[in-house]
Each structure stands twice: as structure tokens, then as C-alpha cells.
Amino acid sequence: MRFAIVRALFNSDITGRLLTGAQRALKNARVTARDIDVYDVPGSFELPLAALWLAQSKKYDAIVCLGCIIKGETPHFYYVAARTADGIAEVGLRTGVPVIFGVLTTENVRQALARAADVDTGRLDHATRKKRTNKGYEAAQSALAMASLRRKLERT
């Protein structure tokens, strides 16, 4: 299977950690480096359009979108977060390609760092979730699961 990862460069210290986590999850699943393409966009708001272009290329079994939106003092956070989430979901529904939302929306940098930690995390429910996690790792796990499900359904 082939995967695309689209990473927002805004808050790059955080999104770089998410990217590392996503790449590690794919590697742990035995996806080779040549089957993973990474693309950078300026910010989270640009993730949906890049994901649409990649989905339309028909090259990828799934696309992982990584970003970090940290709340500031203005309502800008709400507009960017809402449109980013809606746009990413819309791309998947429109194209049938799994497009995974790996965008942090946090109150502060401390929360973002806790969700972009240098750890491997699996599918844990919220009641047992550790405080440190890597949402990039988890997003890649979702991409693997959805791409596998899509292939399975196409064979039936």
C-alpha cells in the first residue's frame, strides 16, 4: 500500500514530531519508505486542498493530514480549526480515499507537546489513555486500518 502524509509547517516544532510519529507507525507496520510520500503545506488551513489533490491522483491508499492549531487570543482559532476539520472530512467523503485527521487543536503549547511526544501509542480508550501520546502515530494507525478495510471491501 502507498501512503501520503501532508504536514502543516505552521507550529513546525510540533508537526515535525507528529510526522516522526506517523512515519514510525507506518514503518512498524512494515510499510517501506518508498511507499510513503511526505508533502508540506504552509498551515493547517491548506491541508484539505492538498489532500484533495493527492486523493484525486489515485496514487495513495490513504492520506494522513498532520497539523497543530493552538488557541490564541482571537476567534481565528475557531475558524481555522472548523474549516480544517470539515475540509479533511469532505475530501474523504468526496473521493472515497481515507483521509485521516491528525490535527491537534489545543489550548496551549504544553497540551500540544503532550500529544506529540516521542512515544509509540496504540489504540487505547480514553479511560486508559496515557497523558503522553503521539497523535501522528495514531493517525497513521487509522490510515492503515482504513486502507486495509477499503481493500477488503473492494475484494468482496
C-alpha atoms as a PDB file:
ATOM      1  CA  MET A   1       0.000   0.000   0.000  1.00  0.00           C
ATOM      2  CA  ARG A   2       1.044   3.597  -0.577  1.00  0.00           C
ATOM      3  CA  PHE A   3       0.510   6.464   1.842  1.00  0.00           C
ATOM      4  CA  ALA A   4       0.773  10.233   1.656  1.00  0.00           C
ATOM      5  CA  ILE A   5       1.421  12.386   4.687  1.00  0.00           C
ATOM      6  CA  VAL A   6       0.603  16.087   4.427  1.00  0.00           C
ATOM      7  CA  ARG A   7       2.174  18.193   7.148  1.00  0.00           C
ATOM      8  CA  ALA A   8       1.434  21.806   8.011  1.00  0.00           C
ATOM      9  CA  LEU A   9       4.611  23.816   8.592  1.00  0.00           C
ATOM     10  CA  PHE A  10       2.959  26.280  10.979  1.00  0.00           C
ATOM     11  CA  ASN A  11       3.976  25.188  14.501  1.00  0.00           C
ATOM     12  CA  SER A  12       6.623  23.034  12.805  1.00  0.00           C
ATOM     13  CA  ASP A  13       8.271  22.035  16.085  1.00  0.00           C
ATOM     14  CA  ILE A  14       5.047  20.200  16.931  1.00  0.00           C
ATOM     15  CA  THR A  15       4.133  18.983  13.433  1.00  0.00           C
ATOM     16  CA  GLY A  16       7.661  17.638  12.975  1.00  0.00           C
ATOM     17  CA  ARG A  17       7.090  15.416  15.999  1.00  0.00           C
ATOM     18  CA  LEU A  18       3.737  14.307  14.596  1.00  0.00           C
ATOM     19  CA  LEU A  19       5.425  13.470  11.294  1.00  0.00           C
ATOM     20  CA  THR A  20       8.068  11.399  13.059  1.00  0.00           C
ATOM     21  CA  GLY A  21       5.324   9.511  14.898  1.00  0.00           C
ATOM     22  CA  ALA A  22       3.339   8.861  11.704  1.00  0.00           C
ATOM     23  CA  GLN A  23       6.409   7.623   9.855  1.00  0.00           C
ATOM     24  CA  ARG A  24       7.305   5.357  12.780  1.00  0.00           C
ATOM     25  CA  ALA A  25       3.808   3.821  12.836  1.00  0.00           C
ATOM     26  CA  LEU A  26       3.951   3.075   9.117  1.00  0.00           C
ATOM     27  CA  LYS A  27       7.448   1.633   9.447  1.00  0.00           C
ATOM     28  CA  ASN A  28       6.299  -0.534  12.379  1.00  0.00           C
ATOM     29  CA  ALA A  29       3.569  -1.856  10.071  1.00  0.00           C
ATOM     30  CA  ARG A  30       6.269  -2.759   7.515  1.00  0.00           C
ATOM     31  CA  VAL A  31       5.425  -0.027   5.029  1.00  0.00           C
ATOM     32  CA  THR A  32       8.627   0.791   3.172  1.00  0.00           C
ATOM     33  CA  ALA A  33       9.976   4.332   2.940  1.00  0.00           C
ATOM     34  CA  ARG A  34       9.456   4.327  -0.833  1.00  0.00           C
ATOM     35  CA  ASP A  35       5.717   3.781  -0.250  1.00  0.00           C
ATOM     36  CA  ILE A  36       5.406   6.900   1.924  1.00  0.00           C
ATOM     37  CA  ASP A  37       5.394  10.361   0.352  1.00  0.00           C
ATOM     38  CA  VAL A  38       5.553  13.460   2.548  1.00  0.00           C
ATOM     39  CA  TYR A  39       4.260  16.850   1.438  1.00  0.00           C
ATOM     40  CA  ASP A  40       4.448  20.143   3.322  1.00  0.00           C
ATOM     41  CA  VAL A  41       1.892  22.952   3.236  1.00  0.00           C
ATOM     42  CA  PRO A  42       2.089  26.373   4.934  1.00  0.00           C
ATOM     43  CA  GLY A  43      -0.569  25.776   7.589  1.00  0.00           C
ATOM     44  CA  SER A  44      -3.433  23.550   8.687  1.00  0.00           C
ATOM     45  CA  PHE A  45      -5.937  25.534   6.630  1.00  0.00           C
ATOM     46  CA  GLU A  46      -4.173  24.297   3.470  1.00  0.00           C
ATOM     47  CA  LEU A  47      -4.313  20.611   4.437  1.00  0.00           C
ATOM     48  CA  PRO A  48      -7.721  19.853   2.849  1.00  0.00           C
ATOM     49  CA  LEU A  49      -6.807  21.196  -0.577  1.00  0.00           C
ATOM     50  CA  ALA A  50      -3.506  19.324  -0.654  1.00  0.00           C
ATOM     51  CA  ALA A  51      -5.318  16.168   0.497  1.00  0.00           C
ATOM     52  CA  LEU A  52      -7.861  16.620  -2.308  1.00  0.00           C
ATOM     53  CA  TRP A  53      -5.115  16.892  -4.926  1.00  0.00           C
ATOM     54  CA  LEU A  54      -3.421  13.780  -3.551  1.00  0.00           C
ATOM     55  CA  ALA A  55      -6.666  11.793  -3.374  1.00  0.00           C
ATOM     56  CA  GLN A  56      -7.514  12.761  -6.951  1.00  0.00           C
ATOM     57  CA  SER A  57      -4.110  11.482  -8.097  1.00  0.00           C
ATOM     58  CA  LYS A  58      -5.304   7.947  -7.238  1.00  0.00           C
ATOM     59  CA  LYS A  59      -1.743   7.072  -6.134  1.00  0.00           C
ATOM     60  CA  TYR A  60      -2.479   6.561  -2.445  1.00  0.00           C
ATOM     61  CA  ASP A  61      -4.410   4.077  -0.353  1.00  0.00           C
ATOM     62  CA  ALA A  62      -4.759   6.651   2.433  1.00  0.00           C
ATOM     63  CA  ILE A  63      -3.681  10.181   3.288  1.00  0.00           C
ATOM     64  CA  VAL A  64      -2.660  11.405   6.732  1.00  0.00           C
ATOM     65  CA  CYS A  65      -3.096  15.125   7.461  1.00  0.00           C
ATOM     66  CA  LEU A  66      -0.929  16.499  10.276  1.00  0.00           C
ATOM     67  CA  GLY A  67      -1.214  19.958  11.775  1.00  0.00           C
ATOM     68  CA  CYS A  68      -1.270  21.899  15.005  1.00  0.00           C
ATOM     69  CA  ILE A  69      -3.676  24.732  15.769  1.00  0.00           C
ATOM     70  CA  ILE A  70      -3.084  26.398  19.139  1.00  0.00           C
ATOM     71  CA  LYS A  71      -5.725  28.692  20.552  1.00  0.00           C
ATOM     72  CA  GLY A  72      -4.730  32.331  20.722  1.00  0.00           C
ATOM     73  CA  GLU A  73      -6.466  35.461  21.946  1.00  0.00           C
ATOM     74  CA  THR A  74      -8.758  35.904  18.930  1.00  0.00           C
ATOM     75  CA  PRO A  75     -11.519  33.797  17.365  1.00  0.00           C
ATOM     76  CA  HIS A  76      -9.188  32.925  14.457  1.00  0.00           C
ATOM     77  CA  PHE A  77      -8.521  29.522  16.101  1.00  0.00           C
ATOM     78  CA  TYR A  78     -12.170  28.513  15.762  1.00  0.00           C
ATOM     79  CA  TYR A  79     -12.391  29.382  12.070  1.00  0.00           C
ATOM     80  CA  VAL A  80      -9.197  27.600  11.133  1.00  0.00           C
ATOM     81  CA  ALA A  81      -9.942  24.518  13.246  1.00  0.00           C
ATOM     82  CA  ALA A  82     -13.515  24.153  11.990  1.00  0.00           C
ATOM     83  CA  ARG A  83     -12.705  24.597   8.298  1.00  0.00           C
ATOM     84  CA  THR A  84      -9.700  22.313   8.534  1.00  0.00           C
ATOM     85  CA  ALA A  85     -11.711  19.533  10.169  1.00  0.00           C
ATOM     86  CA  ASP A  86     -14.665  19.944   7.807  1.00  0.00           C
ATOM     87  CA  GLY A  87     -12.408  20.116   4.760  1.00  0.00           C
ATOM     88  CA  ILE A  88     -10.452  16.987   5.626  1.00  0.00           C
ATOM     89  CA  ALA A  89     -13.654  15.040   6.246  1.00  0.00           C
ATOM     90  CA  GLU A  90     -15.155  16.308   2.994  1.00  0.00           C
ATOM     91  CA  VAL A  91     -12.178  15.144   0.933  1.00  0.00           C
ATOM     92  CA  GLY A  92     -12.541  11.600   2.214  1.00  0.00           C
ATOM     93  CA  LEU A  93     -16.270  11.538   1.614  1.00  0.00           C
ATOM     94  CA  ARG A  94     -15.947  13.059  -1.859  1.00  0.00           C
ATOM     95  CA  THR A  95     -13.158  10.836  -3.120  1.00  0.00           C
ATOM     96  CA  GLY A  96     -13.577   7.591  -1.181  1.00  0.00           C
ATOM     97  CA  VAL A  97      -9.907   7.731  -0.193  1.00  0.00           C
ATOM     98  CA  PRO A  98      -9.357   7.540   3.573  1.00  0.00           C
ATOM     99  CA  VAL A  99      -8.141  10.965   4.698  1.00  0.00           C
ATOM    100  CA  ILE A 100      -7.159  10.962   8.347  1.00  0.00           C
ATOM    101  CA  PHE A 101      -7.455  13.953  10.678  1.00  0.00           C
ATOM    102  CA  GLY A 102      -4.180  14.179  12.584  1.00  0.00           C
ATOM    103  CA  VAL A 103      -4.531  17.830  13.514  1.00  0.00           C
ATOM    104  CA  LEU A 104      -4.038  18.926  17.098  1.00  0.00           C
ATOM    105  CA  THR A 105      -6.396  21.626  18.354  1.00  0.00           C
ATOM    106  CA  THR A 106      -5.112  22.637  21.746  1.00  0.00           C
ATOM    107  CA  GLU A 107      -5.411  25.409  24.289  1.00  0.00           C
ATOM    108  CA  ASN A 108      -1.637  25.840  24.631  1.00  0.00           C
ATOM    109  CA  VAL A 109       1.796  24.580  23.626  1.00  0.00           C
ATOM    110  CA  ARG A 110       2.066  22.320  26.685  1.00  0.00           C
ATOM    111  CA  GLN A 111      -1.009  20.369  25.551  1.00  0.00           C
ATOM    112  CA  ALA A 112       0.337  20.142  22.009  1.00  0.00           C
ATOM    113  CA  LEU A 113       3.691  18.798  23.207  1.00  0.00           C
ATOM    114  CA  ALA A 114       1.946  16.149  25.327  1.00  0.00           C
ATOM    115  CA  ARG A 115       0.094  14.965  22.200  1.00  0.00           C
ATOM    116  CA  ALA A 116       3.239  14.964  20.053  1.00  0.00           C
ATOM    117  CA  ALA A 117       5.512  13.105  22.453  1.00  0.00           C
ATOM    118  CA  ASP A 118       8.294  10.769  21.382  1.00  0.00           C
ATOM    119  CA  VAL A 119       6.304   7.624  22.174  1.00  0.00           C
ATOM    120  CA  ASP A 120       4.547   4.882  20.269  1.00  0.00           C
ATOM    121  CA  THR A 121       0.900   4.651  21.170  1.00  0.00           C
ATOM    122  CA  GLY A 122      -1.718   2.159  20.146  1.00  0.00           C
ATOM    123  CA  ARG A 123      -5.460   2.193  20.194  1.00  0.00           C
ATOM    124  CA  LEU A 124      -6.293   2.959  23.823  1.00  0.00           C
ATOM    125  CA  ASP A 125      -9.679   4.095  25.020  1.00  0.00           C
ATOM    126  CA  HIS A 126      -9.943   7.483  26.686  1.00  0.00           C
ATOM    127  CA  ALA A 127     -10.336   5.983  30.149  1.00  0.00           C
ATOM    128  CA  THR A 128      -6.925   4.288  29.967  1.00  0.00           C
ATOM    129  CA  ARG A 129      -5.048   6.750  27.748  1.00  0.00           C
ATOM    130  CA  LYS A 130      -1.673   7.841  28.990  1.00  0.00           C
ATOM    131  CA  LYS A 131      -1.032  11.570  29.337  1.00  0.00           C
ATOM    132  CA  ARG A 132       1.759  11.462  26.746  1.00  0.00           C
ATOM    133  CA  THR A 133       0.838  10.290  23.270  1.00  0.00           C
ATOM    134  CA  ASN A 134       1.716  10.896  19.638  1.00  0.00           C
ATOM    135  CA  LYS A 135      -1.339  11.708  17.580  1.00  0.00           C
ATOM    136  CA  GLY A 136       0.715  11.405  14.388  1.00  0.00           C
ATOM    137  CA  TYR A 137       1.404   7.788  15.275  1.00  0.00           C
ATOM    138  CA  GLU A 138      -2.283   7.208  15.965  1.00  0.00           C
ATOM    139  CA  ALA A 139      -3.346   8.945  12.736  1.00  0.00           C
ATOM    140  CA  ALA A 140      -1.071   6.650  10.734  1.00  0.00           C
ATOM    141  CA  GLN A 141      -2.560   3.639  12.516  1.00  0.00           C
ATOM    142  CA  SER A 142      -6.003   4.860  11.448  1.00  0.00           C
ATOM    143  CA  ALA A 143      -4.773   5.250   7.870  1.00  0.00           C
ATOM    144  CA  LEU A 144      -3.501   1.665   7.890  1.00  0.00           C
ATOM    145  CA  ALA A 145      -6.797   0.356   9.262  1.00  0.00           C
ATOM    146  CA  MET A 146      -8.956   2.295   6.826  1.00  0.00           C
ATOM    147  CA  ALA A 147      -6.810   1.424   3.798  1.00  0.00           C
ATOM    148  CA  SER A 148      -6.975  -2.250   4.779  1.00  0.00           C
ATOM    149  CA  LEU A 149     -10.740  -2.081   5.230  1.00  0.00           C
ATOM    150  CA  ARG A 150     -11.185  -0.387   1.858  1.00  0.00           C
ATOM    151  CA  ARG A 151      -9.127  -3.087   0.117  1.00  0.00           C
ATOM    152  CA  LYS A 152     -11.072  -5.811   1.881  1.00  0.00           C
ATOM    153  CA  LEU A 153     -14.415  -4.317   0.825  1.00  0.00           C
ATOM    154  CA  GLU A 154     -13.222  -3.893  -2.775  1.00  0.00           C
ATOM    155  CA  ARG A 155     -12.434  -7.617  -2.947  1.00  0.00           C
ATOM    156  CA  THR A 156     -15.916  -8.673  -1.835  1.00  0.00           C
END
